[in-house]
PDB file of N, CA and C in Angstrom:
ATOM      1  N   UNK A   1     -28.417 -12.841 -14.473  1.00  0.00           N
ATOM      2  CA  UNK A   1     -27.573 -13.919 -14.937  1.00  0.00           C
ATOM      3  C   UNK A   1     -26.489 -14.222 -13.887  1.00  0.00           C
ATOM      4  N   UNK A   2     -25.786 -13.196 -13.421  1.00  0.00           N
ATOM      5  CA  UNK A   2     -24.730 -13.376 -12.427  1.00  0.00           C
ATOM      6  C   UNK A   2     -25.305 -13.880 -11.099  1.00  0.00           C
ATOM      7  N   UNK A   3     -26.407 -13.316 -10.697  1.00  0.00           N
ATOM      8  CA  UNK A   3     -27.029 -13.740  -9.439  1.00  0.00           C
ATOM      9  C   UNK A   3     -27.526 -15.176  -9.550  1.00  0.00           C
ATOM     10  N   UNK A   4     -28.175 -15.496 -10.652  1.00  0.00           N
ATOM     11  CA  UNK A   4     -28.666 -16.864 -10.856  1.00  0.00           C
ATOM     12  C   UNK A   4     -27.515 -17.869 -10.807  1.00  0.00           C
ATOM     13  N   UNK A   5     -26.421 -17.544 -11.474  1.00  0.00           N
ATOM     14  CA  UNK A   5     -25.261 -18.444 -11.477  1.00  0.00           C
ATOM     15  C   UNK A   5     -24.684 -18.594 -10.072  1.00  0.00           C
ATOM     16  N   UNK A   6     -24.672 -17.511  -9.329  1.00  0.00           N
ATOM     17  CA  UNK A   6     -24.180 -17.572  -7.942  1.00  0.00           C
ATOM     18  C   UNK A   6     -25.038 -18.510  -7.113  1.00  0.00           C
ATOM     19  N   UNK A   7     -26.360 -18.409  -7.255  1.00  0.00           N
ATOM     20  CA  UNK A   7     -27.256 -19.323  -6.550  1.00  0.00           C
ATOM     21  C   UNK A   7     -27.015 -20.759  -6.988  1.00  0.00           C
ATOM     22  N   UNK A   8     -26.866 -20.956  -8.294  1.00  0.00           N
ATOM     23  CA  UNK A   8     -26.641 -22.307  -8.810  1.00  0.00           C
ATOM     24  C   UNK A   8     -25.362 -22.920  -8.251  1.00  0.00           C
ATOM     25  N   UNK A   9     -24.407 -22.079  -7.912  1.00  0.00           N
ATOM     26  CA  UNK A   9     -23.138 -22.561  -7.344  1.00  0.00           C
ATOM     27  C   UNK A   9     -23.176 -22.588  -5.816  1.00  0.00           C
ATOM     28  N   UNK A  10     -24.355 -22.483  -5.279  1.00  0.00           N
ATOM     29  CA  UNK A  10     -24.614 -22.626  -3.842  1.00  0.00           C
ATOM     30  C   UNK A  10     -24.101 -21.468  -2.984  1.00  0.00           C
ATOM     31  N   UNK A  11     -23.977 -20.296  -3.580  1.00  0.00           N
ATOM     32  CA  UNK A  11     -23.695 -19.096  -2.788  1.00  0.00           C
ATOM     33  C   UNK A  11     -25.017 -18.485  -2.344  1.00  0.00           C
ATOM     34  N   UNK A  12     -24.976 -17.830  -1.215  1.00  0.00           N
ATOM     35  CA  UNK A  12     -26.067 -16.946  -0.815  1.00  0.00           C
ATOM     36  C   UNK A  12     -25.615 -15.559  -1.263  1.00  0.00           C
ATOM     37  N   UNK A  13     -26.558 -14.718  -1.681  1.00  0.00           N
ATOM     38  CA  UNK A  13     -26.200 -13.459  -2.326  1.00  0.00           C
ATOM     39  C   UNK A  13     -27.011 -12.295  -1.764  1.00  0.00           C
ATOM     40  N   UNK A  14     -26.343 -11.185  -1.539  1.00  0.00           N
ATOM     41  CA  UNK A  14     -27.025  -9.911  -1.335  1.00  0.00           C
ATOM     42  C   UNK A  14     -26.334  -8.899  -2.236  1.00  0.00           C
ATOM     43  N   UNK A  15     -27.025  -7.806  -2.499  1.00  0.00           N
ATOM     44  CA  UNK A  15     -26.444  -6.756  -3.322  1.00  0.00           C
ATOM     45  C   UNK A  15     -25.789  -5.711  -2.434  1.00  0.00           C
ATOM     46  N   UNK A  16     -24.597  -5.335  -2.809  1.00  0.00           N
ATOM     47  CA  UNK A  16     -23.938  -4.211  -2.165  1.00  0.00           C
ATOM     48  C   UNK A  16     -24.323  -2.970  -2.948  1.00  0.00           C
ATOM     49  N   UNK A  17     -23.344  -2.194  -3.315  1.00  0.00           N
ATOM     50  CA  UNK A  17     -23.641  -0.959  -4.043  1.00  0.00           C
ATOM     51  C   UNK A  17     -23.941  -1.260  -5.501  1.00  0.00           C
ATOM     52  N   UNK A  18     -25.141  -0.850  -5.915  1.00  0.00           N
ATOM     53  CA  UNK A  18     -25.572  -1.024  -7.304  1.00  0.00           C
ATOM     54  C   UNK A  18     -25.602   0.314  -8.027  1.00  0.00           C
ATOM     55  N   UNK A  19     -25.873   1.366  -7.303  1.00  0.00           N
ATOM     56  CA  UNK A  19     -25.897   2.705  -7.888  1.00  0.00           C
ATOM     57  C   UNK A  19     -25.154   3.640  -6.953  1.00  0.00           C
ATOM     58  N   UNK A  20     -24.437   4.566  -7.550  1.00  0.00           N
ATOM     59  CA  UNK A  20     -23.673   5.558  -6.798  1.00  0.00           C
ATOM     60  C   UNK A  20     -23.907   6.905  -7.457  1.00  0.00           C
ATOM     61  N   UNK A  21     -24.182   7.902  -6.670  1.00  0.00           N
ATOM     62  CA  UNK A  21     -24.369   9.245  -7.228  1.00  0.00           C
ATOM     63  C   UNK A  21     -23.022   9.777  -7.707  1.00  0.00           C
ATOM     64  N   UNK A  22     -23.037  10.671  -8.690  1.00  0.00           N
ATOM     65  CA  UNK A  22     -21.776  11.274  -9.148  1.00  0.00           C
ATOM     66  C   UNK A  22     -21.045  11.987  -8.012  1.00  0.00           C
ATOM     67  N   UNK A  23     -21.787  12.587  -7.100  1.00  0.00           N
ATOM     68  CA  UNK A  23     -21.157  13.276  -5.972  1.00  0.00           C
ATOM     69  C   UNK A  23     -20.424  12.285  -5.056  1.00  0.00           C
ATOM     70  N   UNK A  24     -21.075  11.151  -4.795  1.00  0.00           N
ATOM     71  CA  UNK A  24     -20.447  10.128  -3.960  1.00  0.00           C
ATOM     72  C   UNK A  24     -19.224   9.539  -4.671  1.00  0.00           C
ATOM     73  N   UNK A  25     -19.316   9.347  -5.984  1.00  0.00           N
ATOM     74  CA  UNK A  25     -18.172   8.833  -6.745  1.00  0.00           C
ATOM     75  C   UNK A  25     -16.980   9.783  -6.627  1.00  0.00           C
ATOM     76  N   UNK A  26     -17.231  11.070  -6.738  1.00  0.00           N
ATOM     77  CA  UNK A  26     -16.147  12.054  -6.603  1.00  0.00           C
ATOM     78  C   UNK A  26     -15.565  12.052  -5.202  1.00  0.00           C
ATOM     79  N   UNK A  27     -16.440  11.959  -4.207  1.00  0.00           N
ATOM     80  CA  UNK A  27     -15.966  11.922  -2.820  1.00  0.00           C
ATOM     81  C   UNK A  27     -15.075  10.697  -2.589  1.00  0.00           C
ATOM     82  N   UNK A  28     -15.530   9.529  -3.040  1.00  0.00           N
ATOM     83  CA  UNK A  28     -14.748   8.304  -2.873  1.00  0.00           C
ATOM     84  C   UNK A  28     -13.431   8.373  -3.639  1.00  0.00           C
ATOM     85  N   UNK A  29     -13.471   8.947  -4.833  1.00  0.00           N
ATOM     86  CA  UNK A  29     -12.235   9.089  -5.620  1.00  0.00           C
ATOM     87  C   UNK A  29     -11.227   9.951  -4.862  1.00  0.00           C
ATOM     88  N   UNK A  30     -11.727  10.976  -4.190  1.00  0.00           N
ATOM     89  CA  UNK A  30     -10.842  11.853  -3.420  1.00  0.00           C
ATOM     90  C   UNK A  30     -10.157  11.161  -2.257  1.00  0.00           C
ATOM     91  N   UNK A  31     -10.748  10.063  -1.791  1.00  0.00           N
ATOM     92  CA  UNK A  31     -10.144   9.302  -0.695  1.00  0.00           C
ATOM     93  C   UNK A  31      -9.382   8.075  -1.201  1.00  0.00           C
ATOM     94  N   UNK A  32      -9.333   7.900  -2.523  1.00  0.00           N
ATOM     95  CA  UNK A  32      -8.628   6.754  -3.099  1.00  0.00           C
ATOM     96  C   UNK A  32      -9.442   5.471  -3.082  1.00  0.00           C
ATOM     97  N   UNK A  33     -10.754   5.564  -2.869  1.00  0.00           N
ATOM     98  CA  UNK A  33     -11.597   4.373  -2.776  1.00  0.00           C
ATOM     99  C   UNK A  33     -12.448   4.128  -4.014  1.00  0.00           C
ATOM    100  N   UNK A  34     -12.173   4.815  -5.085  1.00  0.00           N
ATOM    101  CA  UNK A  34     -12.951   4.620  -6.301  1.00  0.00           C
ATOM    102  C   UNK A  34     -12.479   5.586  -7.366  1.00  0.00           C
ATOM    103  N   UNK A  35     -13.251   5.680  -8.430  1.00  0.00           N
ATOM    104  CA  UNK A  35     -12.939   6.620  -9.501  1.00  0.00           C
ATOM    105  C   UNK A  35     -14.122   7.558  -9.687  1.00  0.00           C
ATOM    106  N   UNK A  36     -13.841   8.770 -10.115  1.00  0.00           N
ATOM    107  CA  UNK A  36     -14.894   9.780 -10.209  1.00  0.00           C
ATOM    108  C   UNK A  36     -15.937   9.451 -11.283  1.00  0.00           C
ATOM    109  N   UNK A  37     -15.546   8.698 -12.306  1.00  0.00           N
ATOM    110  CA  UNK A  37     -16.495   8.321 -13.366  1.00  0.00           C
ATOM    111  C   UNK A  37     -16.883   6.842 -13.226  1.00  0.00           C
ATOM    112  N   UNK A  38     -17.219   6.451 -12.030  1.00  0.00           N
ATOM    113  CA  UNK A  38     -17.553   5.063 -11.714  1.00  0.00           C
ATOM    114  C   UNK A  38     -18.715   4.551 -12.558  1.00  0.00           C
ATOM    115  N   UNK A  39     -18.610   3.298 -12.971  1.00  0.00           N
ATOM    116  CA  UNK A  39     -19.707   2.664 -13.698  1.00  0.00           C
ATOM    117  C   UNK A  39     -20.919   2.428 -12.800  1.00  0.00           C
ATOM    118  N   UNK A  40     -20.745   2.514 -11.494  1.00  0.00           N
ATOM    119  CA  UNK A  40     -21.897   2.445 -10.593  1.00  0.00           C
ATOM    120  C   UNK A  40     -22.854   3.610 -10.889  1.00  0.00           C
ATOM    121  N   UNK A  41     -22.309   4.751 -11.286  1.00  0.00           N
ATOM    122  CA  UNK A  41     -23.147   5.919 -11.608  1.00  0.00           C
ATOM    123  C   UNK A  41     -24.007   5.673 -12.843  1.00  0.00           C
ATOM    124  N   UNK A  42     -23.552   4.803 -13.719  1.00  0.00           N
ATOM    125  CA  UNK A  42     -24.278   4.467 -14.948  1.00  0.00           C
ATOM    126  C   UNK A  42     -25.080   3.174 -14.808  1.00  0.00           C
ATOM    127  N   UNK A  43     -25.084   2.623 -13.614  1.00  0.00           N
ATOM    128  CA  UNK A  43     -25.774   1.357 -13.330  1.00  0.00           C
ATOM    129  C   UNK A  43     -25.226   0.191 -14.171  1.00  0.00           C
ATOM    130  N   UNK A  44     -23.919   0.244 -14.419  1.00  0.00           N
ATOM    131  CA  UNK A  44     -23.259  -0.818 -15.180  1.00  0.00           C
ATOM    132  C   UNK A  44     -22.268  -1.594 -14.316  1.00  0.00           C
ATOM    133  N   UNK A  45     -22.343  -1.392 -13.001  1.00  0.00           N
ATOM    134  CA  UNK A  45     -21.491  -2.110 -12.061  1.00  0.00           C
ATOM    135  C   UNK A  45     -22.309  -2.442 -10.821  1.00  0.00           C
ATOM    136  N   UNK A  46     -21.942  -3.550 -10.207  1.00  0.00           N
ATOM    137  CA  UNK A  46     -22.594  -3.962  -8.961  1.00  0.00           C
ATOM    138  C   UNK A  46     -21.540  -4.577  -8.048  1.00  0.00           C
ATOM    139  N   UNK A  47     -21.699  -4.319  -6.758  1.00  0.00           N
ATOM    140  CA  UNK A  47     -20.900  -5.020  -5.758  1.00  0.00           C
ATOM    141  C   UNK A  47     -21.783  -6.130  -5.220  1.00  0.00           C
ATOM    142  N   UNK A  48     -21.389  -7.348  -5.491  1.00  0.00           N
ATOM    143  CA  UNK A  48     -22.169  -8.525  -5.120  1.00  0.00           C
ATOM    144  C   UNK A  48     -21.563  -9.109  -3.847  1.00  0.00           C
ATOM    145  N   UNK A  49     -22.383  -9.289  -2.829  1.00  0.00           N
ATOM    146  CA  UNK A  49     -21.912  -9.865  -1.568  1.00  0.00           C
ATOM    147  C   UNK A  49     -22.249 -11.349  -1.552  1.00  0.00           C
ATOM    148  N   UNK A  50     -21.224 -12.171  -1.469  1.00  0.00           N
ATOM    149  CA  UNK A  50     -21.411 -13.623  -1.444  1.00  0.00           C
ATOM    150  C   UNK A  50     -21.245 -14.156  -0.028  1.00  0.00           C
ATOM    151  N   UNK A  51     -22.043 -15.179   0.276  1.00  0.00           N
ATOM    152  CA  UNK A  51     -22.002 -15.839   1.568  1.00  0.00           C
ATOM    153  C   UNK A  51     -21.976 -17.343   1.337  1.00  0.00           C
ATOM    154  N   UNK A  52     -21.333 -18.044   2.233  1.00  0.00           N
ATOM    155  CA  UNK A  52     -21.375 -19.512   2.272  1.00  0.00           C
ATOM    156  C   UNK A  52     -21.685 -19.916   3.705  1.00  0.00           C
ATOM    157  N   UNK A  53     -22.728 -20.731   3.869  1.00  0.00           N
ATOM    158  CA  UNK A  53     -23.158 -21.175   5.198  1.00  0.00           C
ATOM    159  C   UNK A  53     -23.341 -19.976   6.132  1.00  0.00           C
ATOM    160  N   UNK A  54     -23.897 -18.897   5.589  1.00  0.00           N
ATOM    161  CA  UNK A  54     -24.169 -17.710   6.385  1.00  0.00           C
ATOM    162  C   UNK A  54     -22.966 -16.833   6.661  1.00  0.00           C
ATOM    163  N   UNK A  55     -21.791 -17.208   6.188  1.00  0.00           N
ATOM    164  CA  UNK A  55     -20.552 -16.461   6.421  1.00  0.00           C
ATOM    165  C   UNK A  55     -20.266 -15.537   5.234  1.00  0.00           C
ATOM    166  N   UNK A  56     -20.167 -14.233   5.504  1.00  0.00           N
ATOM    167  CA  UNK A  56     -19.868 -13.243   4.467  1.00  0.00           C
ATOM    168  C   UNK A  56     -18.442 -13.435   3.976  1.00  0.00           C
ATOM    169  N   UNK A  57     -18.278 -13.580   2.679  1.00  0.00           N
ATOM    170  CA  UNK A  57     -16.966 -13.773   2.067  1.00  0.00           C
ATOM    171  C   UNK A  57     -16.373 -12.407   1.746  1.00  0.00           C
ATOM    172  N   UNK A  58     -15.209 -12.125   2.286  1.00  0.00           N
ATOM    173  CA  UNK A  58     -14.649 -10.779   2.187  1.00  0.00           C
ATOM    174  C   UNK A  58     -13.359 -10.682   1.383  1.00  0.00           C
ATOM    175  N   UNK A  59     -12.719 -11.789   1.102  1.00  0.00           N
ATOM    176  CA  UNK A  59     -11.443 -11.751   0.381  1.00  0.00           C
ATOM    177  C   UNK A  59     -11.678 -11.796  -1.125  1.00  0.00           C
ATOM    178  N   UNK A  60     -10.846 -11.066  -1.861  1.00  0.00           N
ATOM    179  CA  UNK A  60     -10.941 -11.083  -3.321  1.00  0.00           C
ATOM    180  C   UNK A  60     -10.903 -12.511  -3.841  1.00  0.00           C
ATOM    181  N   UNK A  61     -10.049 -13.330  -3.273  1.00  0.00           N
ATOM    182  CA  UNK A  61      -9.915 -14.722  -3.730  1.00  0.00           C
ATOM    183  C   UNK A  61     -11.236 -15.490  -3.580  1.00  0.00           C
ATOM    184  N   UNK A  62     -12.048 -15.119  -2.595  1.00  0.00           N
ATOM    185  CA  UNK A  62     -13.344 -15.765  -2.390  1.00  0.00           C
ATOM    186  C   UNK A  62     -14.270 -15.587  -3.596  1.00  0.00           C
ATOM    187  N   UNK A  63     -13.995 -14.563  -4.390  1.00  0.00           N
ATOM    188  CA  UNK A  63     -14.862 -14.220  -5.524  1.00  0.00           C
ATOM    189  C   UNK A  63     -14.307 -14.695  -6.871  1.00  0.00           C
ATOM    190  N   UNK A  64     -13.149 -15.327  -6.834  1.00  0.00           N
ATOM    191  CA  UNK A  64     -12.494 -15.733  -8.092  1.00  0.00           C
ATOM    192  C   UNK A  64     -13.398 -16.606  -8.962  1.00  0.00           C
ATOM    193  N   UNK A  65     -14.033 -17.593  -8.372  1.00  0.00           N
ATOM    194  CA  UNK A  65     -14.893 -18.496  -9.153  1.00  0.00           C
ATOM    195  C   UNK A  65     -15.946 -17.713  -9.935  1.00  0.00           C
ATOM    196  N   UNK A  66     -16.639 -16.804  -9.258  1.00  0.00           N
ATOM    197  CA  UNK A  66     -17.686 -16.043  -9.936  1.00  0.00           C
ATOM    198  C   UNK A  66     -17.083 -14.995 -10.871  1.00  0.00           C
ATOM    199  N   UNK A  67     -15.959 -14.415 -10.476  1.00  0.00           N
ATOM    200  CA  UNK A  67     -15.300 -13.430 -11.335  1.00  0.00           C
ATOM    201  C   UNK A  67     -14.855 -14.018 -12.657  1.00  0.00           C
ATOM    202  N   UNK A  68     -14.250 -15.181 -12.603  1.00  0.00           N
ATOM    203  CA  UNK A  68     -13.810 -15.829 -13.840  1.00  0.00           C
ATOM    204  C   UNK A  68     -14.994 -16.268 -14.686  1.00  0.00           C
ATOM    205  N   UNK A  69     -16.060 -16.727 -14.040  1.00  0.00           N
ATOM    206  CA  UNK A  69     -17.263 -17.069 -14.793  1.00  0.00           C
ATOM    207  C   UNK A  69     -17.812 -15.824 -15.493  1.00  0.00           C
ATOM    208  N   UNK A  70     -17.898 -14.704 -14.754  1.00  0.00           N
ATOM    209  CA  UNK A  70     -18.435 -13.462 -15.310  1.00  0.00           C
ATOM    210  C   UNK A  70     -17.629 -13.016 -16.530  1.00  0.00           C
ATOM    211  N   UNK A  71     -16.324 -13.072 -16.435  1.00  0.00           N
ATOM    212  CA  UNK A  71     -15.464 -12.635 -17.540  1.00  0.00           C
ATOM    213  C   UNK A  71     -15.688 -13.455 -18.810  1.00  0.00           C
ATOM    214  N   UNK A  72     -16.099 -14.684 -18.677  1.00  0.00           N
ATOM    215  CA  UNK A  72     -16.325 -15.553 -19.839  1.00  0.00           C
ATOM    216  C   UNK A  72     -17.650 -15.276 -20.543  1.00  0.00           C
ATOM    217  N   UNK A  73     -18.514 -14.486 -19.932  1.00  0.00           N
ATOM    218  CA  UNK A  73     -19.845 -14.268 -20.500  1.00  0.00           C
ATOM    219  C   UNK A  73     -19.833 -13.338 -21.702  1.00  0.00           C
ATOM    220  N   UNK A  74     -18.904 -12.408 -21.739  1.00  0.00           N
ATOM    221  CA  UNK A  74     -18.819 -11.437 -22.839  1.00  0.00           C
ATOM    222  C   UNK A  74     -17.483 -10.715 -22.722  1.00  0.00           C
ATOM    223  N   UNK A  75     -16.875 -10.315 -23.838  1.00  0.00           N
ATOM    224  CA  UNK A  75     -15.591  -9.606 -23.768  1.00  0.00           C
ATOM    225  C   UNK A  75     -15.636  -8.319 -22.942  1.00  0.00           C
ATOM    226  N   UNK A  76     -16.803  -7.742 -22.764  1.00  0.00           N
ATOM    227  CA  UNK A  76     -16.917  -6.504 -21.986  1.00  0.00           C
ATOM    228  C   UNK A  76     -17.193  -6.730 -20.500  1.00  0.00           C
ATOM    229  N   UNK A  77     -17.376  -7.961 -20.091  1.00  0.00           N
ATOM    230  CA  UNK A  77     -17.611  -8.242 -18.669  1.00  0.00           C
ATOM    231  C   UNK A  77     -16.283  -8.192 -17.918  1.00  0.00           C
ATOM    232  N   UNK A  78     -16.267  -7.419 -16.843  1.00  0.00           N
ATOM    233  CA  UNK A  78     -15.044  -7.242 -16.052  1.00  0.00           C
ATOM    234  C   UNK A  78     -15.282  -7.614 -14.601  1.00  0.00           C
ATOM    235  N   UNK A  79     -14.242  -8.162 -13.986  1.00  0.00           N
ATOM    236  CA  UNK A  79     -14.269  -8.514 -12.577  1.00  0.00           C
ATOM    237  C   UNK A  79     -13.237  -7.664 -11.845  1.00  0.00           C
ATOM    238  N   UNK A  80     -13.651  -7.037 -10.762  1.00  0.00           N
ATOM    239  CA  UNK A  80     -12.777  -6.152  -9.995  1.00  0.00           C
ATOM    240  C   UNK A  80     -11.595  -6.846  -9.330  1.00  0.00           C
ATOM    241  N   UNK A  81     -11.623  -8.154  -9.249  1.00  0.00           N
ATOM    242  CA  UNK A  81     -10.484  -8.891  -8.703  1.00  0.00           C
ATOM    243  C   UNK A  81      -9.238  -8.748  -9.556  1.00  0.00           C
ATOM    244  N   UNK A  82      -9.391  -8.283 -10.782  1.00  0.00           N
ATOM    245  CA  UNK A  82      -8.250  -8.082 -11.685  1.00  0.00           C
ATOM    246  C   UNK A  82      -7.694  -6.651 -11.618  1.00  0.00           C
ATOM    247  N   UNK A  83      -8.351  -5.771 -10.891  1.00  0.00           N
ATOM    248  CA  UNK A  83      -7.842  -4.393 -10.790  1.00  0.00           C
ATOM    249  C   UNK A  83      -6.434  -4.442 -10.197  1.00  0.00           C
ATOM    250  N   UNK A  84      -5.508  -3.756 -10.829  1.00  0.00           N
ATOM    251  CA  UNK A  84      -4.111  -3.858 -10.406  1.00  0.00           C
ATOM    252  C   UNK A  84      -3.763  -2.976  -9.209  1.00  0.00           C
ATOM    253  N   UNK A  85      -4.325  -1.783  -9.138  1.00  0.00           N
ATOM    254  CA  UNK A  85      -3.955  -0.901  -8.037  1.00  0.00           C
ATOM    255  C   UNK A  85      -4.660  -1.251  -6.732  1.00  0.00           C
ATOM    256  N   UNK A  86      -5.889  -1.667  -6.819  1.00  0.00           N
ATOM    257  CA  UNK A  86      -6.661  -2.018  -5.624  1.00  0.00           C
ATOM    258  C   UNK A  86      -7.721  -3.045  -6.006  1.00  0.00           C
ATOM    259  N   UNK A  87      -7.373  -4.341  -5.957  1.00  0.00           N
ATOM    260  CA  UNK A  87      -8.353  -5.359  -6.327  1.00  0.00           C
ATOM    261  C   UNK A  87      -9.640  -5.211  -5.512  1.00  0.00           C
ATOM    262  N   UNK A  88     -10.758  -5.447  -6.183  1.00  0.00           N
ATOM    263  CA  UNK A  88     -12.090  -5.265  -5.591  1.00  0.00           C
ATOM    264  C   UNK A  88     -12.912  -6.494  -5.961  1.00  0.00           C
ATOM    265  N   UNK A  89     -12.697  -7.574  -5.215  1.00  0.00           N
ATOM    266  CA  UNK A  89     -13.231  -8.883  -5.575  1.00  0.00           C
ATOM    267  C   UNK A  89     -14.722  -8.961  -5.798  1.00  0.00           C
ATOM    268  N   UNK A  90     -15.501  -8.158  -5.079  1.00  0.00           N
ATOM    269  CA  UNK A  90     -16.954  -8.294  -5.237  1.00  0.00           C
ATOM    270  C   UNK A  90     -17.528  -7.323  -6.265  1.00  0.00           C
ATOM    271  N   UNK A  91     -16.662  -6.695  -7.058  1.00  0.00           N
ATOM    272  CA  UNK A  91     -17.093  -5.746  -8.097  1.00  0.00           C
ATOM    273  C   UNK A  91     -17.214  -6.463  -9.446  1.00  0.00           C
ATOM    274  N   UNK A  92     -18.385  -6.327 -10.055  1.00  0.00           N
ATOM    275  CA  UNK A  92     -18.653  -6.909 -11.362  1.00  0.00           C
ATOM    276  C   UNK A  92     -19.214  -5.797 -12.246  1.00  0.00           C
ATOM    277  N   UNK A  93     -18.678  -5.669 -13.455  1.00  0.00           N
ATOM    278  CA  UNK A  93     -19.116  -4.559 -14.307  1.00  0.00           C
ATOM    279  C   UNK A  93     -19.098  -4.951 -15.775  1.00  0.00           C
ATOM    280  N   UNK A  94     -19.638  -4.030 -16.566  1.00  0.00           N
ATOM    281  CA  UNK A  94     -19.612  -4.139 -18.023  1.00  0.00           C
ATOM    282  C   UNK A  94     -18.868  -2.906 -18.524  1.00  0.00           C
ATOM    283  N   UNK A  95     -17.826  -3.132 -19.302  1.00  0.00           N
ATOM    284  CA  UNK A  95     -17.013  -2.035 -19.810  1.00  0.00           C
ATOM    285  C   UNK A  95     -17.850  -1.081 -20.656  1.00  0.00           C
ATOM    286  N   UNK A  96     -17.604   0.218 -20.436  1.00  0.00           N
ATOM    287  CA  UNK A  96     -18.331   1.245 -21.183  1.00  0.00           C
ATOM    288  C   UNK A  96     -17.444   2.470 -21.297  1.00  0.00           C
ATOM    289  N   UNK A  97     -17.243   2.939 -22.513  1.00  0.00           N
ATOM    290  CA  UNK A  97     -16.428   4.129 -22.784  1.00  0.00           C
ATOM    291  C   UNK A  97     -15.054   4.028 -22.123  1.00  0.00           C
ATOM    292  N   UNK A  98     -14.445   2.847 -22.203  1.00  0.00           N
ATOM    293  CA  UNK A  98     -13.101   2.641 -21.685  1.00  0.00           C
ATOM    294  C   UNK A  98     -13.006   2.450 -20.185  1.00  0.00           C
ATOM    295  N   UNK A  99     -14.140   2.432 -19.505  1.00  0.00           N
ATOM    296  CA  UNK A  99     -14.137   2.251 -18.050  1.00  0.00           C
ATOM    297  C   UNK A  99     -14.588   0.841 -17.696  1.00  0.00           C
ATOM    298  N   UNK A 100     -13.969   0.294 -16.643  1.00  0.00           N
ATOM    299  CA  UNK A 100     -14.323  -1.042 -16.168  1.00  0.00           C
ATOM    300  C   UNK A 100     -14.806  -0.984 -14.737  1.00  0.00           C
TER     301      UNK A 100
END
């Protein structure tokens, strides 16, 4: 659904991290780059890489359009651009057990 909508809005798309091992999640959490109970480990989060005219979009603001669309799909849909401590614009997830 998210990928289809991205294509419909004329983005080019590749997948970043879709799955993360619990060990990798713990390692990243130790460096401040994630949380140890990441939804990537449960396959409920994806890092979506968006491109326009072949240019990789890297700023959180570049993902606002898709992030806001994603949030409207269901109350449990979360966009990483809203993370307060470290916004993660290309992170899209579904809330599970209090985690986003």
